[in-house]
Amino acid sequence: MIYTMIRGDLLRFFLIFVVFMTGFSQALHILFVRIECDNDFETNIGTFFRMFCVTLQQVSDAYKNFAKHPNVGIQVIAKIIFVTYIITAAVLLVNMLIAMMGNTYAMVNERKKEWLRQWAKIMLIVEQGVSREERLLQQSKYAKKMANGGNVLVIRLEQTPDERESVK
């Protein structure tokens, strides 16, 4: 269950991230497609790969390519798009992933409580379906006597092999 939910969160995140990165990479590709110098933004795939590398903090290599464009106005626009991408990718997308994982944690925690409630309900139904004498007989096998004469169920996290056999 948890694996499925986390896989869904990551799949949603990566789909949004790919759409986001594709938009910014195409914007930079359009700015650099017509110039004749050697840069990373000449092809769609090269631009997409360069933007992915920027996401992994290889910023300086991509930033150097902006100076190769002959038009200063386009250089400024490219730098603005680039800085916007870096800030948005670093802050907004990571926060979105954290929020999605937080929601998944809350759902898992709530389902855990629901499982415990359902288990208790089933145990109550089973106990009510057995006669009082039979229930007391079965309880005597696993219950410990208290000082006041009542019975209590004691559960330890770790049991010896002999203790496990005695319960069976």
N, C-alpha and C. Protein backbone atom coordinates (compact mmCIF):
# COMPACT_ATOMS: atom_id res chain seq x y z
N MET A 1 0.83 -1.19 0.00
CA MET A 1 0.00 0.00 0.00
C MET A 1 0.87 1.25 0.00
N ILE A 2 1.85 1.30 0.90
CA ILE A 2 2.72 2.48 0.98
C ILE A 2 3.52 2.62 -0.30
N TYR A 3 4.03 1.50 -0.80
CA TYR A 3 4.81 1.52 -2.04
C TYR A 3 3.98 2.09 -3.19
N THR A 4 2.73 1.68 -3.28
CA THR A 4 1.85 2.16 -4.35
C THR A 4 1.61 3.65 -4.23
N MET A 5 1.40 4.13 -3.01
CA MET A 5 1.13 5.55 -2.82
C MET A 5 2.36 6.40 -3.11
N ILE A 6 3.53 5.95 -2.65
CA ILE A 6 4.75 6.70 -2.91
C ILE A 6 5.07 6.67 -4.40
N ARG A 7 4.87 5.52 -5.03
CA ARG A 7 5.10 5.43 -6.47
C ARG A 7 4.18 6.40 -7.21
N GLY A 8 2.93 6.50 -6.77
CA GLY A 8 2.00 7.45 -7.38
C GLY A 8 2.45 8.88 -7.20
N ASP A 9 2.94 9.22 -5.99
CA ASP A 9 3.44 10.57 -5.73
C ASP A 9 4.62 10.90 -6.63
N LEU A 10 5.58 9.98 -6.70
CA LEU A 10 6.76 10.23 -7.53
C LEU A 10 6.41 10.29 -9.01
N LEU A 11 5.50 9.45 -9.45
CA LEU A 11 5.08 9.49 -10.85
C LEU A 11 4.43 10.83 -11.19
N ARG A 12 3.53 11.27 -10.31
CA ARG A 12 2.89 12.58 -10.53
C ARG A 12 3.92 13.70 -10.53
N PHE A 13 4.87 13.65 -9.58
CA PHE A 13 5.90 14.68 -9.50
C PHE A 13 6.74 14.70 -10.77
N PHE A 14 7.20 13.53 -11.24
CA PHE A 14 8.05 13.50 -12.42
C PHE A 14 7.29 13.91 -13.68
N LEU A 15 6.02 13.59 -13.77
CA LEU A 15 5.24 14.06 -14.93
C LEU A 15 5.16 15.58 -14.94
N ILE A 16 4.86 16.16 -13.79
CA ILE A 16 4.79 17.63 -13.70
C ILE A 16 6.17 18.22 -13.97
N PHE A 17 7.20 17.60 -13.43
CA PHE A 17 8.56 18.09 -13.62
C PHE A 17 8.98 18.05 -15.08
N VAL A 18 8.65 16.97 -15.78
CA VAL A 18 9.01 16.85 -17.20
C VAL A 18 8.28 17.90 -18.03
N VAL A 19 7.01 18.11 -17.75
CA VAL A 19 6.26 19.15 -18.49
C VAL A 19 6.87 20.52 -18.21
N PHE A 20 7.18 20.79 -16.97
CA PHE A 20 7.78 22.05 -16.55
C PHE A 20 9.14 22.24 -17.23
N MET A 21 9.99 21.20 -17.18
CA MET A 21 11.32 21.30 -17.76
C MET A 21 11.25 21.40 -19.28
N THR A 22 10.30 20.73 -19.90
CA THR A 22 10.14 20.81 -21.35
C THR A 22 9.80 22.23 -21.79
N GLY A 23 8.92 22.88 -21.05
CA GLY A 23 8.55 24.26 -21.38
C GLY A 23 9.74 25.19 -21.34
N PHE A 24 10.52 25.12 -20.27
CA PHE A 24 11.68 26.01 -20.16
C PHE A 24 12.77 25.63 -21.16
N SER A 25 12.98 24.35 -21.40
CA SER A 25 14.01 23.97 -22.36
C SER A 25 13.63 24.40 -23.78
N GLN A 26 12.36 24.34 -24.12
CA GLN A 26 11.93 24.78 -25.45
C GLN A 26 12.05 26.30 -25.60
N ALA A 27 11.80 27.02 -24.52
CA ALA A 27 11.96 28.48 -24.57
C ALA A 27 13.42 28.83 -24.86
N LEU A 28 14.35 28.18 -24.20
CA LEU A 28 15.77 28.45 -24.47
C LEU A 28 16.19 27.93 -25.84
N HIS A 29 15.65 26.81 -26.26
CA HIS A 29 15.97 26.28 -27.59
C HIS A 29 15.54 27.25 -28.69
N ILE A 30 14.37 27.83 -28.55
CA ILE A 30 13.88 28.78 -29.56
C ILE A 30 14.78 30.01 -29.63
N LEU A 31 15.31 30.44 -28.49
CA LEU A 31 16.20 31.60 -28.50
C LEU A 31 17.52 31.31 -29.20
N PHE A 32 18.02 30.08 -29.13
CA PHE A 32 19.35 29.76 -29.64
C PHE A 32 19.36 28.93 -30.91
N VAL A 33 18.22 28.59 -31.47
CA VAL A 33 18.18 27.67 -32.60
C VAL A 33 18.77 28.28 -33.88
N ARG A 34 18.71 29.57 -34.06
CA ARG A 34 19.12 30.17 -35.33
C ARG A 34 20.57 30.66 -35.36
N ILE A 35 21.27 30.63 -34.25
CA ILE A 35 22.65 31.12 -34.30
C ILE A 35 23.58 29.98 -34.71
N GLU A 36 24.71 30.34 -35.30
CA GLU A 36 25.62 29.37 -35.90
C GLU A 36 26.77 28.96 -34.98
N CYS A 37 26.72 29.29 -33.71
CA CYS A 37 27.82 28.90 -32.83
C CYS A 37 27.51 27.55 -32.17
N ASP A 38 28.54 26.93 -31.66
CA ASP A 38 28.39 25.62 -31.02
C ASP A 38 27.92 25.81 -29.58
N ASN A 39 26.70 25.38 -29.28
CA ASN A 39 26.20 25.46 -27.90
C ASN A 39 25.29 24.27 -27.61
N ASP A 40 24.90 24.17 -26.35
CA ASP A 40 24.08 23.03 -25.91
C ASP A 40 22.61 23.18 -26.24
N PHE A 41 22.21 24.33 -26.76
CA PHE A 41 20.80 24.61 -26.99
C PHE A 41 20.40 24.50 -28.46
N GLU A 42 21.23 23.89 -29.30
CA GLU A 42 20.94 23.78 -30.73
C GLU A 42 19.84 22.77 -31.03
N THR A 43 19.79 21.66 -30.30
CA THR A 43 18.78 20.63 -30.55
C THR A 43 17.81 20.55 -29.37
N ASN A 44 16.63 20.01 -29.65
CA ASN A 44 15.63 19.86 -28.58
C ASN A 44 16.15 18.94 -27.47
N ILE A 45 16.73 17.82 -27.87
CA ILE A 45 17.22 16.85 -26.88
C ILE A 45 18.39 17.43 -26.10
N GLY A 46 19.30 18.11 -26.79
CA GLY A 46 20.44 18.73 -26.11
C GLY A 46 20.00 19.78 -25.10
N THR A 47 19.00 20.57 -25.47
CA THR A 47 18.48 21.59 -24.56
C THR A 47 17.81 20.94 -23.36
N PHE A 48 17.02 19.91 -23.61
CA PHE A 48 16.35 19.21 -22.51
C PHE A 48 17.38 18.60 -21.56
N PHE A 49 18.41 17.96 -22.12
CA PHE A 49 19.45 17.35 -21.29
C PHE A 49 20.20 18.42 -20.50
N ARG A 50 20.50 19.55 -21.12
CA ARG A 50 21.21 20.62 -20.41
C ARG A 50 20.36 21.15 -19.26
N MET A 51 19.06 21.29 -19.46
CA MET A 51 18.19 21.76 -18.38
C MET A 51 18.10 20.74 -17.26
N PHE A 52 18.14 19.46 -17.61
CA PHE A 52 18.17 18.43 -16.57
C PHE A 52 19.47 18.52 -15.77
N CYS A 53 20.59 18.76 -16.45
CA CYS A 53 21.87 18.91 -15.75
C CYS A 53 21.86 20.14 -14.85
N VAL A 54 21.18 21.20 -15.29
CA VAL A 54 21.05 22.40 -14.45
C VAL A 54 20.29 22.06 -13.18
N THR A 55 19.30 21.21 -13.29
CA THR A 55 18.55 20.79 -12.11
C THR A 55 19.46 20.09 -11.12
N LEU A 56 20.48 19.41 -11.62
CA LEU A 56 21.44 18.72 -10.76
C LEU A 56 22.60 19.63 -10.36
N GLN A 57 22.41 20.94 -10.48
CA GLN A 57 23.35 21.97 -10.02
C GLN A 57 24.58 22.14 -10.90
N GLN A 58 24.51 21.83 -12.17
CA GLN A 58 25.60 22.12 -13.10
C GLN A 58 25.24 23.39 -13.86
N VAL A 59 25.20 24.49 -13.12
CA VAL A 59 24.66 25.74 -13.65
C VAL A 59 25.67 26.47 -14.52
N SER A 60 26.93 26.49 -14.14
CA SER A 60 27.90 27.35 -14.82
C SER A 60 28.10 26.98 -16.29
N ASP A 61 28.06 25.69 -16.62
CA ASP A 61 28.25 25.29 -18.02
C ASP A 61 27.15 25.84 -18.92
N ALA A 62 25.92 25.77 -18.46
CA ALA A 62 24.80 26.26 -19.26
C ALA A 62 24.81 27.79 -19.33
N TYR A 63 25.18 28.42 -18.24
CA TYR A 63 25.16 29.89 -18.19
C TYR A 63 26.18 30.50 -19.15
N LYS A 64 27.30 29.80 -19.38
CA LYS A 64 28.33 30.30 -20.30
C LYS A 64 27.83 30.34 -21.74
N ASN A 65 26.88 29.48 -22.09
CA ASN A 65 26.36 29.44 -23.46
C ASN A 65 25.58 30.69 -23.83
N PHE A 66 25.05 31.40 -22.84
CA PHE A 66 24.24 32.59 -23.15
C PHE A 66 25.08 33.71 -23.76
N ALA A 67 26.35 33.79 -23.41
CA ALA A 67 27.23 34.83 -23.96
C ALA A 67 27.55 34.59 -25.43
N LYS A 68 27.28 33.41 -25.94
CA LYS A 68 27.57 33.09 -27.34
C LYS A 68 26.56 33.69 -28.31
N HIS A 69 25.42 34.12 -27.80
CA HIS A 69 24.40 34.70 -28.70
C HIS A 69 24.82 36.11 -29.08
N PRO A 70 24.73 36.48 -30.37
CA PRO A 70 25.19 37.81 -30.80
C PRO A 70 24.28 38.95 -30.33
N ASN A 71 23.03 38.69 -30.08
CA ASN A 71 22.08 39.73 -29.67
C ASN A 71 22.07 39.83 -28.14
N VAL A 72 22.41 41.02 -27.63
CA VAL A 72 22.47 41.23 -26.18
C VAL A 72 21.09 41.13 -25.55
N GLY A 73 20.06 41.58 -26.24
CA GLY A 73 18.70 41.49 -25.71
C GLY A 73 18.28 40.04 -25.49
N ILE A 74 18.64 39.19 -26.43
CA ILE A 74 18.31 37.76 -26.29
C ILE A 74 19.11 37.15 -25.15
N GLN A 75 20.35 37.61 -24.96
CA GLN A 75 21.15 37.12 -23.83
C GLN A 75 20.46 37.43 -22.50
N VAL A 76 19.92 38.63 -22.39
CA VAL A 76 19.23 39.04 -21.16
C VAL A 76 17.97 38.20 -20.96
N ILE A 77 17.20 38.02 -22.03
CA ILE A 77 15.97 37.21 -21.93
C ILE A 77 16.32 35.77 -21.53
N ALA A 78 17.37 35.22 -22.14
CA ALA A 78 17.78 33.86 -21.82
C ALA A 78 18.20 33.75 -20.35
N LYS A 79 18.91 34.75 -19.86
CA LYS A 79 19.33 34.72 -18.45
C LYS A 79 18.13 34.83 -17.51
N ILE A 80 17.14 35.64 -17.87
CA ILE A 80 15.93 35.76 -17.04
C ILE A 80 15.18 34.43 -17.02
N ILE A 81 15.01 33.81 -18.19
CA ILE A 81 14.33 32.51 -18.25
C ILE A 81 15.10 31.47 -17.43
N PHE A 82 16.41 31.51 -17.55
CA PHE A 82 17.26 30.55 -16.85
C PHE A 82 17.16 30.70 -15.33
N VAL A 83 17.26 31.92 -14.84
CA VAL A 83 17.17 32.17 -13.40
C VAL A 83 15.78 31.81 -12.89
N THR A 84 14.75 32.14 -13.67
CA THR A 84 13.38 31.77 -13.28
C THR A 84 13.25 30.25 -13.17
N TYR A 85 13.84 29.54 -14.10
CA TYR A 85 13.79 28.08 -14.06
C TYR A 85 14.49 27.54 -12.81
N ILE A 86 15.67 28.06 -12.52
CA ILE A 86 16.43 27.56 -11.37
C ILE A 86 15.66 27.79 -10.08
N ILE A 87 15.13 28.99 -9.90
CA ILE A 87 14.39 29.30 -8.67
C ILE A 87 13.13 28.45 -8.58
N THR A 88 12.41 28.35 -9.67
CA THR A 88 11.16 27.59 -9.65
C THR A 88 11.43 26.10 -9.42
N ALA A 89 12.42 25.56 -10.09
CA ALA A 89 12.72 24.14 -9.93
C ALA A 89 13.19 23.83 -8.52
N ALA A 90 14.03 24.69 -7.99
CA ALA A 90 14.59 24.42 -6.67
C ALA A 90 13.56 24.60 -5.56
N VAL A 91 12.76 25.63 -5.64
CA VAL A 91 11.86 25.95 -4.53
C VAL A 91 10.49 25.31 -4.71
N LEU A 92 9.82 25.64 -5.78
CA LEU A 92 8.43 25.20 -5.92
C LEU A 92 8.28 23.70 -6.14
N LEU A 93 9.08 23.14 -7.03
CA LEU A 93 8.91 21.73 -7.32
C LEU A 93 9.31 20.84 -6.14
N VAL A 94 10.36 21.19 -5.44
CA VAL A 94 10.75 20.40 -4.28
C VAL A 94 9.70 20.53 -3.18
N ASN A 95 9.18 21.74 -2.97
CA ASN A 95 8.11 21.91 -1.98
C ASN A 95 6.86 21.13 -2.38
N MET A 96 6.57 21.06 -3.67
CA MET A 96 5.42 20.29 -4.12
C MET A 96 5.62 18.80 -3.80
N LEU A 97 6.82 18.30 -4.03
CA LEU A 97 7.10 16.90 -3.71
C LEU A 97 6.97 16.64 -2.22
N ILE A 98 7.48 17.55 -1.40
CA ILE A 98 7.37 17.39 0.06
C ILE A 98 5.91 17.40 0.48
N ALA A 99 5.11 18.29 -0.09
CA ALA A 99 3.69 18.34 0.26
C ALA A 99 2.97 17.06 -0.14
N MET A 100 3.27 16.54 -1.32
CA MET A 100 2.63 15.29 -1.75
C MET A 100 3.02 14.14 -0.83
N MET A 101 4.29 14.07 -0.43
CA MET A 101 4.73 13.02 0.48
C MET A 101 4.08 13.19 1.85
N GLY A 102 3.89 14.44 2.29
CA GLY A 102 3.20 14.69 3.57
C GLY A 102 1.77 14.20 3.53
N ASN A 103 1.09 14.43 2.42
CA ASN A 103 -0.28 13.93 2.27
C ASN A 103 -0.30 12.40 2.28
N THR A 104 0.67 11.79 1.64
CA THR A 104 0.74 10.33 1.64
C THR A 104 0.95 9.81 3.05
N TYR A 105 1.82 10.45 3.81
CA TYR A 105 2.05 10.03 5.19
C TYR A 105 0.78 10.13 6.01
N ALA A 106 0.05 11.23 5.85
CA ALA A 106 -1.20 11.40 6.60
C ALA A 106 -2.22 10.32 6.22
N MET A 107 -2.31 9.99 4.94
CA MET A 107 -3.24 8.94 4.51
C MET A 107 -2.84 7.58 5.07
N VAL A 108 -1.55 7.27 5.06
CA VAL A 108 -1.08 5.99 5.60
C VAL A 108 -1.35 5.92 7.09
N ASN A 109 -1.10 7.01 7.79
CA ASN A 109 -1.34 7.05 9.23
C ASN A 109 -2.82 6.86 9.54
N GLU A 110 -3.68 7.49 8.77
CA GLU A 110 -5.12 7.36 8.98
C GLU A 110 -5.58 5.93 8.68
N ARG A 111 -5.04 5.33 7.64
CA ARG A 111 -5.42 3.95 7.31
C ARG A 111 -4.92 2.97 8.37
N LYS A 112 -3.80 3.28 8.99
CA LYS A 112 -3.30 2.42 10.06
C LYS A 112 -4.28 2.44 11.24
N LYS A 113 -4.78 3.62 11.56
CA LYS A 113 -5.77 3.72 12.64
C LYS A 113 -7.05 2.99 12.27
N GLU A 114 -7.45 3.08 11.03
CA GLU A 114 -8.66 2.40 10.57
C GLU A 114 -8.47 0.88 10.65
N TRP A 115 -7.30 0.39 10.29
CA TRP A 115 -7.02 -1.03 10.39
C TRP A 115 -7.15 -1.51 11.82
N LEU A 116 -6.62 -0.74 12.78
CA LEU A 116 -6.69 -1.12 14.19
C LEU A 116 -8.14 -1.14 14.67
N ARG A 117 -8.92 -0.17 14.25
CA ARG A 117 -10.33 -0.12 14.63
C ARG A 117 -11.08 -1.32 14.07
N GLN A 118 -10.83 -1.66 12.81
CA GLN A 118 -11.48 -2.82 12.20
C GLN A 118 -11.08 -4.12 12.90
N TRP A 119 -9.81 -4.24 13.27
CA TRP A 119 -9.34 -5.43 13.98
C TRP A 119 -10.05 -5.56 15.33
N ALA A 120 -10.15 -4.45 16.06
CA ALA A 120 -10.82 -4.49 17.36
C ALA A 120 -12.30 -4.86 17.20
N LYS A 121 -12.92 -4.35 16.17
CA LYS A 121 -14.34 -4.67 15.91
C LYS A 121 -14.51 -6.17 15.62
N ILE A 122 -13.63 -6.74 14.83
CA ILE A 122 -13.70 -8.17 14.52
C ILE A 122 -13.47 -9.00 15.78
N MET A 123 -12.52 -8.60 16.59
CA MET A 123 -12.26 -9.34 17.84
C MET A 123 -13.48 -9.30 18.76
N LEU A 124 -14.14 -8.17 18.83
CA LEU A 124 -15.33 -8.04 19.66
C LEU A 124 -16.45 -8.95 19.14
N ILE A 125 -16.63 -8.99 17.83
CA ILE A 125 -17.65 -9.86 17.24
C ILE A 125 -17.34 -11.33 17.52
N VAL A 126 -16.08 -11.71 17.41
CA VAL A 126 -15.69 -13.10 17.67
C VAL A 126 -15.93 -13.45 19.13
N GLU A 127 -15.55 -12.55 20.04
CA GLU A 127 -15.76 -12.82 21.46
C GLU A 127 -17.24 -12.90 21.81
N GLN A 128 -18.06 -12.10 21.17
CA GLN A 128 -19.49 -12.13 21.47
C GLN A 128 -20.16 -13.38 20.89
N GLY A 129 -19.53 -14.01 19.92
CA GLY A 129 -20.10 -15.20 19.31
C GLY A 129 -19.78 -16.48 20.06
N VAL A 130 -19.02 -16.38 21.13
CA VAL A 130 -18.62 -17.55 21.91
C VAL A 130 -19.30 -17.47 23.28
N SER A 131 -19.64 -18.61 23.83
CA SER A 131 -20.29 -18.59 25.16
C SER A 131 -19.31 -18.07 26.21
N ARG A 132 -19.87 -17.60 27.32
CA ARG A 132 -19.05 -17.02 28.39
C ARG A 132 -18.05 -18.05 28.93
N GLU A 133 -18.49 -19.28 29.13
CA GLU A 133 -17.62 -20.32 29.67
C GLU A 133 -16.45 -20.61 28.72
N GLU A 134 -16.76 -20.73 27.44
CA GLU A 134 -15.71 -21.00 26.44
C GLU A 134 -14.73 -19.83 26.37
N ARG A 135 -15.24 -18.60 26.40
CA ARG A 135 -14.40 -17.41 26.35
C ARG A 135 -13.45 -17.38 27.56
N LEU A 136 -13.98 -17.63 28.76
CA LEU A 136 -13.14 -17.63 29.96
C LEU A 136 -12.10 -18.74 29.92
N LEU A 137 -12.47 -19.89 29.37
CA LEU A 137 -11.53 -20.99 29.23
C LEU A 137 -10.38 -20.61 28.29
N GLN A 138 -10.70 -20.00 27.16
CA GLN A 138 -9.67 -19.59 26.21
C GLN A 138 -8.82 -18.45 26.77
N GLN A 139 -9.46 -17.51 27.49
CA GLN A 139 -8.70 -16.40 28.07
C GLN A 139 -7.72 -16.89 29.13
N SER A 140 -8.06 -17.96 29.82
CA SER A 140 -7.16 -18.47 30.86
C SER A 140 -5.85 -19.00 30.26
N LYS A 141 -5.86 -19.31 28.96
CA LYS A 141 -4.65 -19.81 28.30
C LYS A 141 -3.62 -18.71 28.05
N TYR A 142 -4.09 -17.48 27.87
CA TYR A 142 -3.15 -16.41 27.55
C TYR A 142 -3.15 -15.26 28.53
N ALA A 143 -4.12 -15.20 29.44
CA ALA A 143 -4.22 -14.08 30.38
C ALA A 143 -3.38 -14.35 31.62
N LYS A 144 -2.91 -13.28 32.22
CA LYS A 144 -2.15 -13.34 33.47
C LYS A 144 -3.06 -12.85 34.59
N LYS A 145 -2.95 -13.48 35.75
CA LYS A 145 -3.74 -13.07 36.91
C LYS A 145 -3.13 -11.81 37.52
N MET A 146 -4.00 -10.88 37.87
CA MET A 146 -3.56 -9.67 38.56
C MET A 146 -3.76 -9.86 40.06
N ALA A 147 -3.25 -8.93 40.85
CA ALA A 147 -3.35 -9.02 42.30
C ALA A 147 -4.79 -8.94 42.78
N ASN A 148 -5.63 -8.21 42.06
CA ASN A 148 -7.04 -8.06 42.46
C ASN A 148 -7.91 -9.21 41.97
N GLY A 149 -7.34 -10.21 41.32
CA GLY A 149 -8.10 -11.36 40.87
C GLY A 149 -8.54 -11.30 39.42
N GLY A 150 -8.41 -10.16 38.78
CA GLY A 150 -8.80 -10.03 37.37
C GLY A 150 -7.74 -10.59 36.44
N ASN A 151 -8.07 -10.67 35.18
CA ASN A 151 -7.14 -11.14 34.16
C ASN A 151 -6.69 -9.98 33.30
N VAL A 152 -5.47 -10.07 32.80
CA VAL A 152 -4.94 -9.05 31.92
C VAL A 152 -4.12 -9.74 30.82
N LEU A 153 -4.14 -9.15 29.64
CA LEU A 153 -3.36 -9.66 28.52
C LEU A 153 -2.02 -8.93 28.50
N VAL A 154 -0.94 -9.67 28.57
CA VAL A 154 0.40 -9.09 28.55
C VAL A 154 1.06 -9.50 27.24
N ILE A 155 1.52 -8.50 26.50
CA ILE A 155 2.18 -8.77 25.22
C ILE A 155 3.58 -8.17 25.28
N ARG A 156 4.57 -8.98 24.98
CA ARG A 156 5.94 -8.50 24.91
C ARG A 156 6.37 -8.48 23.46
N LEU A 157 7.23 -7.53 23.12
CA LEU A 157 7.69 -7.45 21.74
C LEU A 157 8.56 -8.64 21.37
N GLU A 158 9.39 -9.09 22.30
CA GLU A 158 10.27 -10.21 21.99
C GLU A 158 9.94 -11.36 22.93
N GLN A 159 9.79 -12.53 22.37
CA GLN A 159 9.49 -13.73 23.15
C GLN A 159 10.55 -14.78 22.87
N THR A 160 10.76 -15.61 23.87
CA THR A 160 11.67 -16.74 23.68
C THR A 160 10.95 -17.81 22.88
N PRO A 161 11.68 -18.73 22.26
CA PRO A 161 11.01 -19.81 21.52
C PRO A 161 10.08 -20.64 22.40
N ASP A 162 10.47 -20.85 23.67
CA ASP A 162 9.60 -21.62 24.58
C ASP A 162 8.29 -20.89 24.83
N GLU A 163 8.36 -19.56 24.97
CA GLU A 163 7.13 -18.79 25.19
C GLU A 163 6.22 -18.85 23.97
N ARG A 164 6.81 -18.81 22.79
CA ARG A 164 6.00 -18.89 21.58
C ARG A 164 5.31 -20.25 21.48
N GLU A 165 6.01 -21.31 21.85
CA GLU A 165 5.43 -22.65 21.80
C GLU A 165 4.31 -22.81 22.82
N SER A 166 4.46 -22.19 23.99
CA SER A 166 3.44 -22.34 25.03
C SER A 166 2.14 -21.64 24.64
N VAL A 167 2.21 -20.63 23.80
CA VAL A 167 1.01 -19.93 23.37
C VAL A 167 0.24 -20.77 22.36
N LYS A 168 0.94 -21.57 21.57
CA LYS A 168 0.29 -22.38 20.54
C LYS A 168 -0.51 -23.44 21.19
